[in-house]
């Protein structure tokens, strides 16, 4: 996966996505989906690994890969939740 290429590890704690704080798994899902749908080419993660802060930049998947991710995980954007 693109996360593996970026050297994310199973025990990494994701602290921020594109400089926005993450406090739980649902928030992480929303922030990642929002990052995938914005106009940039990468998603930036601030992670905590063994007490050390690291920054990882992951190239975004294609539109087809994003749609597959949405279907597999049934992510909703904040706009969809408000409707």
Protein backbone atom coordinates (compact mmCIF):
# COMPACT_ATOMS: atom_id res chain seq x y z
CA UNK A 1 0.00 0.00 0.00
CA UNK A 2 0.99 3.64 -0.25
CA UNK A 3 1.29 3.75 3.56
CA UNK A 4 3.81 0.91 3.43
CA UNK A 5 5.81 2.75 0.79
CA UNK A 6 5.81 5.80 3.08
CA UNK A 7 7.14 3.54 5.86
CA UNK A 8 4.14 3.77 8.19
CA UNK A 9 4.28 1.01 10.77
CA UNK A 10 1.48 -0.90 12.53
CA UNK A 11 2.19 0.65 15.96
CA UNK A 12 2.51 4.24 14.72
CA UNK A 13 0.06 6.61 16.37
CA UNK A 14 -1.38 9.12 13.92
CA UNK A 15 -1.50 12.47 15.71
CA UNK A 16 -2.45 14.78 12.83
CA UNK A 17 -3.63 14.59 9.22
CA UNK A 18 -2.73 17.66 7.14
CA UNK A 19 -2.04 19.55 10.40
CA UNK A 20 -5.50 18.74 11.83
CA UNK A 21 -5.46 16.88 15.17
CA UNK A 22 -6.80 13.34 15.38
CA UNK A 23 -8.44 12.20 18.63
CA UNK A 24 -10.22 8.98 17.60
CA UNK A 25 -10.59 6.49 14.76
CA UNK A 26 -13.77 8.00 13.32
CA UNK A 27 -12.15 11.42 13.17
CA UNK A 28 -9.12 9.86 11.48
CA UNK A 29 -11.38 8.32 8.83
CA UNK A 30 -13.12 11.65 8.15
CA UNK A 31 -9.87 13.60 7.96
CA UNK A 32 -8.24 11.08 5.62
CA UNK A 33 -11.26 11.06 3.31
CA UNK A 34 -11.40 14.87 3.29
CA UNK A 35 -7.67 14.94 2.50
CA UNK A 36 -8.17 12.49 -0.35
CA UNK A 37 -10.85 14.69 -1.88
CA UNK A 38 -9.05 18.04 -1.67
CA UNK A 39 -6.99 19.37 -4.59
CA UNK A 40 -3.52 18.41 -3.35
CA UNK A 41 -1.43 15.46 -4.49
CA UNK A 42 -0.35 14.20 -1.06
CA UNK A 43 -1.66 13.56 2.45
CA UNK A 44 0.61 14.57 5.33
CA UNK A 45 0.65 12.63 8.56
CA UNK A 46 2.24 13.53 11.86
CA UNK A 47 2.86 10.32 13.75
CA UNK A 48 4.25 9.25 17.08
CA UNK A 49 6.61 6.28 16.87
CA UNK A 50 8.18 5.01 20.06
CA UNK A 51 7.90 8.44 21.65
CA UNK A 52 9.39 10.27 18.66
CA UNK A 53 7.41 12.57 16.36
CA UNK A 54 7.77 11.87 12.64
CA UNK A 55 6.26 13.41 9.55
CA UNK A 56 5.21 11.26 6.60
CA UNK A 57 3.94 12.40 3.22
CA UNK A 58 1.84 9.87 1.29
CA UNK A 59 1.00 10.26 -2.38
CA UNK A 60 -2.75 10.14 -2.92
CA UNK A 61 -4.36 7.17 -4.64
CA UNK A 62 -6.13 7.53 -7.97
CA UNK A 63 -9.84 8.47 -8.18
CA UNK A 64 -10.69 4.80 -8.76
CA UNK A 65 -8.70 3.74 -5.69
CA UNK A 66 -10.44 6.42 -3.60
CA UNK A 67 -13.86 5.18 -4.69
CA UNK A 68 -12.89 1.63 -3.77
CA UNK A 69 -11.74 2.83 -0.34
CA UNK A 70 -15.06 4.65 0.17
CA UNK A 71 -17.06 1.56 -0.74
CA UNK A 72 -14.99 -0.80 1.40
CA UNK A 73 -15.12 1.39 4.50
CA UNK A 74 -18.32 3.33 3.91
CA UNK A 75 -16.67 6.62 4.87
CA UNK A 76 -18.82 9.72 5.04
CA UNK A 77 -17.67 13.30 4.69
CA UNK A 78 -18.74 15.94 7.20
CA UNK A 79 -21.06 17.44 4.56
CA UNK A 80 -22.90 14.12 4.13
CA UNK A 81 -23.34 13.80 7.89
CA UNK A 82 -24.98 17.23 8.16
CA UNK A 83 -27.62 16.45 5.51
